[in-house]
Protein backbone atom coordinates (compact mmCIF):
# COMPACT_ATOMS: atom_id res chain seq x y z
CA UNK A 1 -63.85 -0.73 84.96
CA UNK A 2 -65.11 -1.15 81.40
CA UNK A 3 -68.82 -1.87 81.30
CA UNK A 4 -70.25 -1.29 77.87
CA UNK A 5 -69.28 -2.39 74.40
CA UNK A 6 -68.66 1.25 73.52
CA UNK A 7 -66.19 1.60 76.40
CA UNK A 8 -64.43 -1.60 75.39
CA UNK A 9 -64.23 -0.39 71.78
CA UNK A 10 -62.81 2.94 72.96
CA UNK A 11 -60.24 1.13 75.13
CA UNK A 12 -59.25 -1.01 72.16
CA UNK A 13 -58.86 1.99 69.87
CA UNK A 14 -56.85 4.05 72.37
CA UNK A 15 -54.71 1.35 73.98
CA UNK A 16 -54.65 -2.02 72.24
CA UNK A 17 -54.64 -0.69 68.68
CA UNK A 18 -51.45 1.24 69.45
CA UNK A 19 -49.55 -1.84 70.65
CA UNK A 20 -47.15 -3.66 68.36
CA UNK A 21 -48.28 -6.93 66.80
CA UNK A 22 -46.10 -8.84 69.28
CA UNK A 23 -47.64 -6.98 72.22
CA UNK A 24 -51.17 -7.58 70.90
CA UNK A 25 -50.50 -11.30 70.51
CA UNK A 26 -49.06 -11.46 74.03
CA UNK A 27 -52.12 -9.66 75.40
CA UNK A 28 -54.43 -11.99 73.47
CA UNK A 29 -52.63 -15.04 74.86
CA UNK A 30 -52.96 -13.69 78.40
CA UNK A 31 -56.70 -13.14 77.92
CA UNK A 32 -57.31 -16.54 76.31
CA UNK A 33 -55.22 -18.40 78.89
CA UNK A 34 -57.16 -16.65 81.65
CA UNK A 35 -60.47 -17.69 80.10
CA UNK A 36 -59.24 -21.27 79.67
CA UNK A 37 -58.24 -21.43 83.34
CA UNK A 38 -61.68 -20.20 84.36
CA UNK A 39 -63.30 -22.66 81.93
CA UNK A 40 -65.61 -19.90 80.79
CA UNK A 41 -68.39 -21.03 78.48
CA UNK A 42 -68.30 -18.57 75.60
CA UNK A 43 -70.01 -20.65 72.93
CA UNK A 44 -73.51 -19.47 72.15
CA UNK A 45 -75.36 -22.77 71.99
CA UNK A 46 -78.43 -21.09 70.48
CA UNK A 47 -76.54 -20.69 67.20
CA UNK A 48 -75.45 -24.32 66.83
CA UNK A 49 -76.97 -26.90 64.53
CA UNK A 50 -78.93 -29.74 66.03
CA UNK A 51 -78.05 -33.29 65.04
CA UNK A 52 -81.27 -33.39 63.02
CA UNK A 53 -80.23 -30.33 60.98
CA UNK A 54 -76.78 -31.83 60.41
CA UNK A 55 -78.34 -35.10 59.22
CA UNK A 56 -80.69 -33.19 56.90
CA UNK A 57 -77.75 -31.30 55.42
CA UNK A 58 -75.77 -34.51 54.91
CA UNK A 59 -78.76 -36.20 53.24
CA UNK A 60 -79.34 -33.22 50.96
CA UNK A 61 -75.65 -33.06 50.04
CA UNK A 62 -75.56 -36.75 49.19
CA UNK A 63 -78.74 -36.51 47.12
CA UNK A 64 -77.37 -33.46 45.30
CA UNK A 65 -74.10 -35.25 44.50
CA UNK A 66 -75.93 -38.36 43.24
CA UNK A 67 -77.87 -36.19 40.81
CA UNK A 68 -74.58 -35.35 39.08
CA UNK A 69 -74.22 -31.74 40.17
CA UNK A 70 -70.73 -32.19 41.56
CA UNK A 71 -67.90 -32.35 39.06
């Protein structure tokens, strides 16, 4: 069983990298479908923007555009 990122990278280089594009896409679809069935949470929430940050960005963008910086 693969345990470390190095082992996974080695597996990819030796096995997956040598598959045809069609085979790689089929393998990717199998993996993604399996994850979807398990409803695995793979989104790192720590790297998402809060609503406050999104509002600040929108306000800054609007202010910037009103100052005539956008063509």
